[in-house]
Each structure stands twice: as structure tokens, then as C-alpha cells.
């Protein structure tokens, strides 16, 4: 049977008899400083204040936005002339503001609005042409 023996002074070196046959040597355990080779490099922070070329904006063409064209055509089809004109003015004004806020120039905005108007007009004509046949050709 082994009886545990605790030394009186942990940091001293002494021999402790646990059993008459087994001896243990207690030595102080002092952590040594780690000597890890470290590669020190100057870390660069991103320079947020350097001038960069402004981004080029490629807006998705208004006349290709099928949901927007379809909703505008449906709204204009269901409203009276004066209500439709007011709706169209509000819609064009909102689109103009959005595109101008995005950074598009005036000529590009005018081309986009004109193409959008043509697409809405085509959609209205298609709806009126196939109205009586419920879409069947």
C-alpha cells in the first residue's frame, strides 16, 4: 500500500520516501521564459485617405426592368387620363431623383427615361391589343 506524502517545502529539493522501495525527487518547477523566434514586420494600416479613381456606374436600363415597366403600364391602363398623367409625372420624378443621386449625368438620365417611356408604351399597346382575347393569339 502506497501512502501519499506531501513535502513540507515544495520548492526545496528533498528526497521523499513513499514506500520503502520507491523514492521520488522533488525539484522546483520554474517556468522558463519562452524563446520563440518572432518575425517583427511593420504592419501597414489601409490608407483610407488616398485618392482613388471614382467608380464607374453602370445602371441597369430602366426599359429592361420588366416589373417596373409592367406595373407602370398597368397603372396607366387602369387610371383616367388626368390620374395617369399625375402618376406618370410622379414616377418619372422619382426615377430621375434616384438616378441623379446615383451619380448619372443628365443626358444619360434623359435617355433612360425616354427608353423607359417607349417600353411602357409598347407594354400598353400589347395589353390593349390582346385584351379582348384574354392573351390567347
Protein backbone atom coordinates (compact mmCIF):
# COMPACT_ATOMS: atom_id res chain seq x y z
CA UNK A 1 0.00 0.00 0.00
CA UNK A 2 1.33 3.42 -1.04
CA UNK A 3 0.77 6.30 1.33
CA UNK A 4 0.84 9.77 -0.20
CA UNK A 5 3.47 12.05 1.25
CA UNK A 6 3.36 15.81 0.76
CA UNK A 7 6.65 17.65 1.21
CA UNK A 8 6.77 20.48 3.71
CA UNK A 9 8.65 22.82 1.43
CA UNK A 10 7.60 22.43 -2.19
CA UNK A 11 10.46 24.46 -3.63
CA UNK A 12 13.20 22.65 -1.84
CA UNK A 13 14.98 19.62 -3.21
CA UNK A 14 14.50 16.70 -0.99
CA UNK A 15 14.01 13.01 -1.27
CA UNK A 16 10.69 11.68 -0.10
CA UNK A 17 10.04 8.09 0.73
CA UNK A 18 6.63 6.97 -0.43
CA UNK A 19 7.24 3.34 0.12
CA UNK A 20 10.31 1.65 1.38
CA UNK A 21 11.15 0.65 -2.20
CA UNK A 22 10.22 3.76 -4.31
CA UNK A 23 11.85 7.17 -3.93
CA UNK A 24 10.86 10.47 -5.59
CA UNK A 25 12.96 13.52 -6.08
CA UNK A 26 11.04 16.80 -5.77
CA UNK A 27 12.54 19.67 -7.69
CA UNK A 28 11.10 23.13 -8.10
CA UNK A 29 9.20 23.71 -11.31
CA UNK A 30 10.01 27.19 -12.50
CA UNK A 31 8.54 28.22 -15.81
CA UNK A 32 11.23 29.42 -18.12
CA UNK A 33 10.53 32.31 -20.46
CA UNK A 34 9.53 31.15 -23.88
CA UNK A 35 12.06 31.93 -26.53
CA UNK A 36 10.03 31.83 -29.70
CA UNK A 37 11.66 33.48 -32.66
CA UNK A 38 9.25 36.20 -33.73
CA UNK A 39 9.40 37.89 -37.06
CA UNK A 40 8.57 41.52 -36.49
CA UNK A 41 7.35 43.44 -39.50
CA UNK A 42 5.83 46.84 -39.74
CA UNK A 43 2.11 46.36 -40.25
CA UNK A 44 0.55 48.83 -42.62
CA UNK A 45 -2.92 50.20 -41.98
CA UNK A 46 -5.07 50.69 -45.03
CA UNK A 47 -4.70 54.25 -46.12
CA UNK A 48 -8.28 55.44 -46.32
CA UNK A 49 -7.39 58.96 -47.28
CA UNK A 50 -5.56 58.33 -50.53
CA UNK A 51 -7.29 59.47 -53.68
CA UNK A 52 -8.88 56.75 -55.69
CA UNK A 53 -10.47 56.97 -59.10
CA UNK A 54 -14.25 57.28 -58.71
CA UNK A 55 -16.29 54.23 -59.52
CA UNK A 56 -17.93 53.92 -62.89
CA UNK A 57 -21.65 53.40 -62.54
CA UNK A 58 -23.37 51.07 -64.96
CA UNK A 59 -27.06 51.38 -64.21
CA UNK A 60 -29.40 48.60 -65.22
CA UNK A 61 -31.51 50.02 -68.06
CA UNK A 62 -34.98 51.13 -67.00
CA UNK A 63 -36.59 49.72 -70.12
CA UNK A 64 -35.27 46.24 -69.20
CA UNK A 65 -36.78 46.26 -65.70
CA UNK A 66 -39.84 44.18 -66.58
CA UNK A 67 -41.63 44.54 -63.25
CA UNK A 68 -41.27 48.33 -63.27
CA UNK A 69 -42.45 48.57 -66.91
CA UNK A 70 -45.38 46.21 -66.31
CA UNK A 71 -46.52 48.00 -63.15
CA UNK A 72 -46.34 51.40 -64.85
CA UNK A 73 -48.30 50.14 -67.87
CA UNK A 74 -50.96 48.54 -65.70
CA UNK A 75 -51.32 51.68 -63.58
CA UNK A 76 -51.67 53.88 -66.67
CA UNK A 77 -54.20 51.48 -68.21
CA UNK A 78 -56.46 51.49 -65.15
CA UNK A 79 -56.40 55.25 -64.42
CA UNK A 80 -58.17 58.10 -66.12
CA UNK A 81 -56.17 60.49 -68.30
CA UNK A 82 -55.58 63.10 -65.56
CA UNK A 83 -54.78 60.48 -62.91
CA UNK A 84 -52.47 58.65 -65.31
CA UNK A 85 -50.66 61.88 -66.20
CA UNK A 86 -50.15 62.68 -62.48
CA UNK A 87 -48.95 59.12 -61.83
CA UNK A 88 -46.51 59.26 -64.76
CA UNK A 89 -45.13 62.62 -63.56
CA UNK A 90 -44.56 61.26 -60.03
CA UNK A 91 -42.95 58.06 -61.36
CA UNK A 92 -40.58 59.88 -63.72
CA UNK A 93 -39.69 62.40 -60.99
CA UNK A 94 -38.85 59.58 -58.55
CA UNK A 95 -36.76 57.72 -61.13
CA UNK A 96 -34.95 60.95 -62.08
CA UNK A 97 -34.06 61.62 -58.43
CA UNK A 98 -32.83 58.06 -57.88
CA UNK A 99 -30.62 58.09 -60.95
CA UNK A 100 -29.28 61.57 -60.20
CA UNK A 101 -28.46 60.50 -56.62
CA UNK A 102 -26.60 57.50 -58.07
CA UNK A 103 -24.34 59.83 -60.00
CA UNK A 104 -25.66 59.53 -63.55
CA UNK A 105 -25.33 62.59 -65.76
CA UNK A 106 -28.35 64.44 -67.14
CA UNK A 107 -28.02 63.15 -70.71
CA UNK A 108 -27.89 59.55 -69.56
CA UNK A 109 -30.94 60.07 -67.34
CA UNK A 110 -32.89 61.58 -70.23
CA UNK A 111 -32.01 58.64 -72.49
CA UNK A 112 -33.05 56.16 -69.79
CA UNK A 113 -36.38 57.93 -69.18
CA UNK A 114 -37.09 58.07 -72.94
CA UNK A 115 -36.33 54.35 -73.35
CA UNK A 116 -38.49 53.60 -70.29
CA UNK A 117 -41.37 55.59 -71.80
CA UNK A 118 -41.07 53.64 -75.05
CA UNK A 119 -41.10 50.33 -73.17
CA UNK A 120 -44.19 51.34 -71.18
CA UNK A 121 -45.91 52.45 -74.40
CA UNK A 122 -45.15 49.09 -76.06
CA UNK A 123 -46.47 47.27 -72.99
CA UNK A 124 -49.70 49.31 -73.04
CA UNK A 125 -50.19 48.60 -76.75
CA UNK A 126 -49.66 44.87 -76.20
CA UNK A 127 -52.15 44.84 -73.32
CA UNK A 128 -54.77 46.74 -75.36
CA UNK A 129 -54.28 44.57 -78.44
CA UNK A 130 -54.73 41.27 -76.56
CA UNK A 131 -57.34 42.49 -74.07
CA UNK A 132 -60.32 41.02 -75.94
CA UNK A 133 -58.76 37.59 -76.43
CA UNK A 134 -57.52 37.11 -72.82
CA UNK A 135 -53.93 36.74 -74.01
CA UNK A 136 -54.60 33.95 -76.49
CA UNK A 137 -53.37 34.57 -80.01
